[in-house]
């Protein structure tokens, strides 16, 4: 499978700057990408891995590969675990709120709502002094909100509750994983 970084960049731009239009295209079947994990998410993770690794390697006082590898690996593990857990939670909560479970839609919602977190992680991976920008990743929750409203069918009174509960659950998981993996990384050093 050939990875087209130009298409990935265009899709990142659409997701971040035009989320409602992006989700409408997804609903109508335009830009239908059943392999969004492989063709979109994993290449972004690879770029983040390389950016964090190179940045940590350059900033290191000596040629020491263990810390840059562990720091870059932490980012990849964080986002992979977040993806898996969030897809599970998003899909399971659909049924709990009266909707029809759809793993394909849950995967799309999670992959594309993680886009701001991935972009911010890329920037802060290259320039660690910009960690204050991590707050911008929260825009992913808005993207999730727009996608859930567009793609999922719920009884009207339960849709907002579902979205809020799912966002809070995913935020808790992300926070827990981030703290846990940071503590694990510092424990090894």
C-alpha atoms as a PDB file:
ATOM      1  CA  UNK A   1       0.000   0.000   0.000  1.00  0.00           C
ATOM      2  CA  UNK A   2       1.393   3.346  -1.054  1.00  0.00           C
ATOM      3  CA  UNK A   3       1.102   6.194   1.444  1.00  0.00           C
ATOM      4  CA  UNK A   4       0.162   9.523  -0.075  1.00  0.00           C
ATOM      5  CA  UNK A   5       1.238  12.237   2.359  1.00  0.00           C
ATOM      6  CA  UNK A   6      -0.288  14.941   0.169  1.00  0.00           C
ATOM      7  CA  UNK A   7      -3.748  13.371   0.576  1.00  0.00           C
ATOM      8  CA  UNK A   8      -3.143  12.997   4.297  1.00  0.00           C
ATOM      9  CA  UNK A   9      -2.205  16.677   4.567  1.00  0.00           C
ATOM     10  CA  UNK A  10      -5.332  17.692   2.632  1.00  0.00           C
ATOM     11  CA  UNK A  11      -7.491  15.518   4.864  1.00  0.00           C
ATOM     12  CA  UNK A  12      -5.892  16.959   8.022  1.00  0.00           C
ATOM     13  CA  UNK A  13      -6.631  20.436   6.699  1.00  0.00           C
ATOM     14  CA  UNK A  14     -10.267  19.509   5.949  1.00  0.00           C
ATOM     15  CA  UNK A  15     -10.804  17.904   9.348  1.00  0.00           C
ATOM     16  CA  UNK A  16      -9.357  20.848  11.266  1.00  0.00           C
ATOM     17  CA  UNK A  17     -10.619  23.809   9.223  1.00  0.00           C
ATOM     18  CA  UNK A  18     -13.887  22.481   7.791  1.00  0.00           C
ATOM     19  CA  UNK A  19     -15.127  19.741  10.145  1.00  0.00           C
ATOM     20  CA  UNK A  20     -18.816  20.057   9.314  1.00  0.00           C
ATOM     21  CA  UNK A  21     -18.187  19.851   5.572  1.00  0.00           C
ATOM     22  CA  UNK A  22     -15.769  16.950   6.137  1.00  0.00           C
ATOM     23  CA  UNK A  23     -18.359  14.968   8.111  1.00  0.00           C
ATOM     24  CA  UNK A  24     -21.054  15.708   5.526  1.00  0.00           C
ATOM     25  CA  UNK A  25     -18.781  14.248   2.835  1.00  0.00           C
ATOM     26  CA  UNK A  26     -18.227  11.191   5.017  1.00  0.00           C
ATOM     27  CA  UNK A  27     -21.978  10.749   5.506  1.00  0.00           C
ATOM     28  CA  UNK A  28     -22.741  11.101   1.797  1.00  0.00           C
ATOM     29  CA  UNK A  29     -20.078   8.556   0.943  1.00  0.00           C
ATOM     30  CA  UNK A  30     -17.659  10.979  -0.668  1.00  0.00           C
ATOM     31  CA  UNK A  31     -14.066  10.418   0.399  1.00  0.00           C
ATOM     32  CA  UNK A  32     -15.165   7.099   1.814  1.00  0.00           C
ATOM     33  CA  UNK A  33     -12.072   5.646   3.398  1.00  0.00           C
ATOM     34  CA  UNK A  34     -12.557   2.272   5.031  1.00  0.00           C
ATOM     35  CA  UNK A  35      -8.854   2.037   5.820  1.00  0.00           C
ATOM     36  CA  UNK A  36      -8.527   5.333   7.688  1.00  0.00           C
ATOM     37  CA  UNK A  37      -6.488   3.625  10.399  1.00  0.00           C
ATOM     38  CA  UNK A  38      -3.864   2.345   7.949  1.00  0.00           C
ATOM     39  CA  UNK A  39      -3.878   5.115   5.355  1.00  0.00           C
ATOM     40  CA  UNK A  40      -4.335   8.095   7.703  1.00  0.00           C
ATOM     41  CA  UNK A  41      -3.701   7.363  11.376  1.00  0.00           C
ATOM     42  CA  UNK A  42      -0.603   5.148  11.171  1.00  0.00           C
ATOM     43  CA  UNK A  43       1.298   7.438   8.759  1.00  0.00           C
ATOM     44  CA  UNK A  44       0.601  10.390  11.069  1.00  0.00           C
ATOM     45  CA  UNK A  45       1.881   8.322  13.992  1.00  0.00           C
ATOM     46  CA  UNK A  46       5.021   7.459  12.047  1.00  0.00           C
ATOM     47  CA  UNK A  47       5.679  11.142  11.347  1.00  0.00           C
ATOM     48  CA  UNK A  48       5.156  11.954  15.040  1.00  0.00           C
ATOM     49  CA  UNK A  49       7.525   9.152  16.029  1.00  0.00           C
ATOM     50  CA  UNK A  50      10.221  10.476  13.707  1.00  0.00           C
ATOM     51  CA  UNK A  51       9.710  14.092  14.800  1.00  0.00           C
ATOM     52  CA  UNK A  52       9.883  13.304  18.521  1.00  0.00           C
ATOM     53  CA  UNK A  53      12.836  10.964  18.035  1.00  0.00           C
ATOM     54  CA  UNK A  54      14.807  13.465  15.944  1.00  0.00           C
ATOM     55  CA  UNK A  55      14.024  16.333  18.288  1.00  0.00           C
ATOM     56  CA  UNK A  56      15.095  14.408  21.388  1.00  0.00           C
ATOM     57  CA  UNK A  57      18.197  13.119  19.627  1.00  0.00           C
ATOM     58  CA  UNK A  58      19.231  16.623  18.564  1.00  0.00           C
ATOM     59  CA  UNK A  59      18.565  18.118  21.995  1.00  0.00           C
ATOM     60  CA  UNK A  60      20.502  15.378  23.785  1.00  0.00           C
ATOM     61  CA  UNK A  61      23.919  16.264  25.130  1.00  0.00           C
ATOM     62  CA  UNK A  62      25.430  13.049  23.780  1.00  0.00           C
ATOM     63  CA  UNK A  63      24.526  10.378  21.274  1.00  0.00           C
ATOM     64  CA  UNK A  64      22.188   8.440  23.531  1.00  0.00           C
ATOM     65  CA  UNK A  65      19.435   6.555  21.677  1.00  0.00           C
ATOM     66  CA  UNK A  66      17.464   5.029  24.537  1.00  0.00           C
ATOM     67  CA  UNK A  67      15.689   8.167  25.759  1.00  0.00           C
ATOM     68  CA  UNK A  68      14.694   9.468  22.288  1.00  0.00           C
ATOM     69  CA  UNK A  69      13.394   6.005  21.350  1.00  0.00           C
ATOM     70  CA  UNK A  70      11.446   5.684  24.581  1.00  0.00           C
ATOM     71  CA  UNK A  71       9.995   9.195  24.329  1.00  0.00           C
ATOM     72  CA  UNK A  72       8.937   8.682  20.700  1.00  0.00           C
ATOM     73  CA  UNK A  73       7.628   5.218  21.530  1.00  0.00           C
ATOM     74  CA  UNK A  74       5.584   6.692  24.387  1.00  0.00           C
ATOM     75  CA  UNK A  75       3.773   8.954  21.913  1.00  0.00           C
ATOM     76  CA  UNK A  76       2.988   6.055  19.589  1.00  0.00           C
ATOM     77  CA  UNK A  77       1.804   3.791  22.416  1.00  0.00           C
ATOM     78  CA  UNK A  78      -0.313   6.623  23.856  1.00  0.00           C
ATOM     79  CA  UNK A  79      -2.155   7.206  20.594  1.00  0.00           C
ATOM     80  CA  UNK A  80      -2.514   3.519  19.725  1.00  0.00           C
ATOM     81  CA  UNK A  81      -3.990   2.724  23.139  1.00  0.00           C
ATOM     82  CA  UNK A  82      -6.183   5.810  22.945  1.00  0.00           C
ATOM     83  CA  UNK A  83      -7.463   4.691  19.557  1.00  0.00           C
ATOM     84  CA  UNK A  84      -8.294   1.161  20.662  1.00  0.00           C
ATOM     85  CA  UNK A  85      -9.942   2.155  23.942  1.00  0.00           C
ATOM     86  CA  UNK A  86     -11.825   5.083  22.409  1.00  0.00           C
ATOM     87  CA  UNK A  87     -13.220   3.000  19.562  1.00  0.00           C
ATOM     88  CA  UNK A  88     -14.435   0.441  22.094  1.00  0.00           C
ATOM     89  CA  UNK A  89     -15.993   3.076  24.378  1.00  0.00           C
ATOM     90  CA  UNK A  90     -17.523   5.059  21.530  1.00  0.00           C
ATOM     91  CA  UNK A  91     -19.102   1.971  20.001  1.00  0.00           C
ATOM     92  CA  UNK A  92     -20.361   0.501  23.297  1.00  0.00           C
ATOM     93  CA  UNK A  93     -21.865   3.780  24.471  1.00  0.00           C
ATOM     94  CA  UNK A  94     -23.894   4.071  21.268  1.00  0.00           C
ATOM     95  CA  UNK A  95     -26.098   1.153  22.318  1.00  0.00           C
ATOM     96  CA  UNK A  96     -26.353   2.387  25.902  1.00  0.00           C
ATOM     97  CA  UNK A  97     -27.924   5.622  24.632  1.00  0.00           C
ATOM     98  CA  UNK A  98     -30.420   4.017  22.296  1.00  0.00           C
ATOM     99  CA  UNK A  99     -28.465   4.103  19.059  1.00  0.00           C
ATOM    100  CA  UNK A 100     -27.408   1.329  16.737  1.00  0.00           C
ATOM    101  CA  UNK A 101     -23.808   0.169  17.216  1.00  0.00           C
ATOM    102  CA  UNK A 102     -21.582   0.734  14.201  1.00  0.00           C
ATOM    103  CA  UNK A 103     -17.879  -0.002  14.620  1.00  0.00           C
ATOM    104  CA  UNK A 104     -17.045   1.563  11.245  1.00  0.00           C
ATOM    105  CA  UNK A 105     -18.507   4.931  12.276  1.00  0.00           C
ATOM    106  CA  UNK A 106     -16.920   4.667  15.735  1.00  0.00           C
ATOM    107  CA  UNK A 107     -13.504   4.153  14.121  1.00  0.00           C
ATOM    108  CA  UNK A 108     -13.995   7.159  11.858  1.00  0.00           C
ATOM    109  CA  UNK A 109     -15.101   9.359  14.738  1.00  0.00           C
ATOM    110  CA  UNK A 110     -12.101   8.397  16.832  1.00  0.00           C
ATOM    111  CA  UNK A 111      -9.465   8.572  14.082  1.00  0.00           C
ATOM    112  CA  UNK A 112     -10.504  11.967  12.805  1.00  0.00           C
ATOM    113  CA  UNK A 113     -11.232  13.485  16.212  1.00  0.00           C
ATOM    114  CA  UNK A 114      -7.686  12.564  17.260  1.00  0.00           C
ATOM    115  CA  UNK A 115      -6.312  14.681  14.392  1.00  0.00           C
ATOM    116  CA  UNK A 116      -5.820  17.888  16.449  1.00  0.00           C
ATOM    117  CA  UNK A 117      -4.111  15.883  19.191  1.00  0.00           C
ATOM    118  CA  UNK A 118      -1.796  14.327  16.593  1.00  0.00           C
ATOM    119  CA  UNK A 119      -0.952  17.658  14.974  1.00  0.00           C
ATOM    120  CA  UNK A 120      -0.262  19.299  18.332  1.00  0.00           C
ATOM    121  CA  UNK A 121       1.816  16.296  19.375  1.00  0.00           C
ATOM    122  CA  UNK A 122       3.841  16.651  16.179  1.00  0.00           C
ATOM    123  CA  UNK A 123       4.512  20.335  16.853  1.00  0.00           C
ATOM    124  CA  UNK A 124       5.332  19.889  20.536  1.00  0.00           C
ATOM    125  CA  UNK A 125       7.426  16.852  19.682  1.00  0.00           C
ATOM    126  CA  UNK A 126       9.633  18.978  17.461  1.00  0.00           C
ATOM    127  CA  UNK A 127       9.522  22.058  19.684  1.00  0.00           C
ATOM    128  CA  UNK A 128       9.017  20.932  23.306  1.00  0.00           C
ATOM    129  CA  UNK A 129       9.007  24.506  24.601  1.00  0.00           C
ATOM    130  CA  UNK A 130       5.578  24.914  22.928  1.00  0.00           C
ATOM    131  CA  UNK A 131       3.855  22.439  25.275  1.00  0.00           C
ATOM    132  CA  UNK A 132       1.336  25.135  26.137  1.00  0.00           C
ATOM    133  CA  UNK A 133      -0.137  24.387  22.700  1.00  0.00           C
ATOM    134  CA  UNK A 134      -1.365  21.002  23.970  1.00  0.00           C
ATOM    135  CA  UNK A 135      -4.593  22.774  24.897  1.00  0.00           C
ATOM    136  CA  UNK A 136      -5.342  23.160  21.178  1.00  0.00           C
ATOM    137  CA  UNK A 137      -5.790  19.396  20.958  1.00  0.00           C
ATOM    138  CA  UNK A 138      -9.083  19.804  22.787  1.00  0.00           C
ATOM    139  CA  UNK A 139     -10.488  21.019  19.477  1.00  0.00           C
ATOM    140  CA  UNK A 140     -10.708  17.300  18.678  1.00  0.00           C
ATOM    141  CA  UNK A 141     -13.708  17.088  20.976  1.00  0.00           C
ATOM    142  CA  UNK A 142     -15.531  19.643  18.830  1.00  0.00           C
ATOM    143  CA  UNK A 143     -14.652  17.588  15.751  1.00  0.00           C
ATOM    144  CA  UNK A 144     -16.023  14.502  17.513  1.00  0.00           C
ATOM    145  CA  UNK A 145     -19.195  16.412  18.437  1.00  0.00           C
ATOM    146  CA  UNK A 146     -19.783  17.509  14.837  1.00  0.00           C
ATOM    147  CA  UNK A 147     -19.077  14.003  13.522  1.00  0.00           C
ATOM    148  CA  UNK A 148     -21.336  12.275  16.025  1.00  0.00           C
ATOM    149  CA  UNK A 149     -24.192  14.674  15.262  1.00  0.00           C
ATOM    150  CA  UNK A 150     -23.729  14.092  11.538  1.00  0.00           C
ATOM    151  CA  UNK A 151     -23.052  10.346  11.353  1.00  0.00           C
ATOM    152  CA  UNK A 152     -24.954   8.790  14.257  1.00  0.00           C
ATOM    153  CA  UNK A 153     -28.702   8.396  14.575  1.00  0.00           C
ATOM    154  CA  UNK A 154     -30.082   8.769  18.093  1.00  0.00           C
ATOM    155  CA  UNK A 155     -33.344   9.688  19.716  1.00  0.00           C
ATOM    156  CA  UNK A 156     -33.042  13.510  19.814  1.00  0.00           C
ATOM    157  CA  UNK A 157     -33.029  13.840  23.595  1.00  0.00           C
ATOM    158  CA  UNK A 158     -30.211  11.292  23.992  1.00  0.00           C
ATOM    159  CA  UNK A 159     -27.794  12.523  21.338  1.00  0.00           C
ATOM    160  CA  UNK A 160     -26.287  15.353  23.382  1.00  0.00           C
ATOM    161  CA  UNK A 161     -25.961  13.113  26.449  1.00  0.00           C
ATOM    162  CA  UNK A 162     -24.190  10.452  24.408  1.00  0.00           C
ATOM    163  CA  UNK A 163     -21.741  12.947  22.944  1.00  0.00           C
ATOM    164  CA  UNK A 164     -20.935  14.526  26.317  1.00  0.00           C
ATOM    165  CA  UNK A 165     -20.471  11.193  28.101  1.00  0.00           C
ATOM    166  CA  UNK A 166     -18.300   9.834  25.284  1.00  0.00           C
ATOM    167  CA  UNK A 167     -16.137  12.962  25.197  1.00  0.00           C
ATOM    168  CA  UNK A 168     -15.676  12.888  28.972  1.00  0.00           C
ATOM    169  CA  UNK A 169     -14.848   9.166  28.956  1.00  0.00           C
ATOM    170  CA  UNK A 170     -12.326   9.607  26.139  1.00  0.00           C
ATOM    171  CA  UNK A 171     -10.801  12.650  27.843  1.00  0.00           C
ATOM    172  CA  UNK A 172     -10.403  10.663  31.060  1.00  0.00           C
ATOM    173  CA  UNK A 173      -8.781   7.768  29.187  1.00  0.00           C
ATOM    174  CA  UNK A 174      -6.410  10.113  27.336  1.00  0.00           C
ATOM    175  CA  UNK A 175      -5.442  11.912  30.546  1.00  0.00           C
ATOM    176  CA  UNK A 176      -4.906   8.662  32.426  1.00  0.00           C
ATOM    177  CA  UNK A 177      -2.834   7.112  29.623  1.00  0.00           C
ATOM    178  CA  UNK A 178      -0.750  10.247  29.200  1.00  0.00           C
ATOM    179  CA  UNK A 179       0.075  10.490  32.907  1.00  0.00           C
ATOM    180  CA  UNK A 180       0.630   6.749  33.285  1.00  0.00           C
ATOM    181  CA  UNK A 181       2.974   6.505  30.292  1.00  0.00           C
ATOM    182  CA  UNK A 182       4.903   9.606  31.389  1.00  0.00           C
ATOM    183  CA  UNK A 183       5.411   8.120  34.849  1.00  0.00           C
ATOM    184  CA  UNK A 184       6.411   4.814  33.288  1.00  0.00           C
ATOM    185  CA  UNK A 185       8.947   6.596  31.071  1.00  0.00           C
ATOM    186  CA  UNK A 186      10.494   8.487  33.987  1.00  0.00           C
ATOM    187  CA  UNK A 187      10.612   5.277  36.045  1.00  0.00           C
ATOM    188  CA  UNK A 188      12.915   3.698  33.463  1.00  0.00           C
ATOM    189  CA  UNK A 189      15.283   6.651  33.406  1.00  0.00           C
END
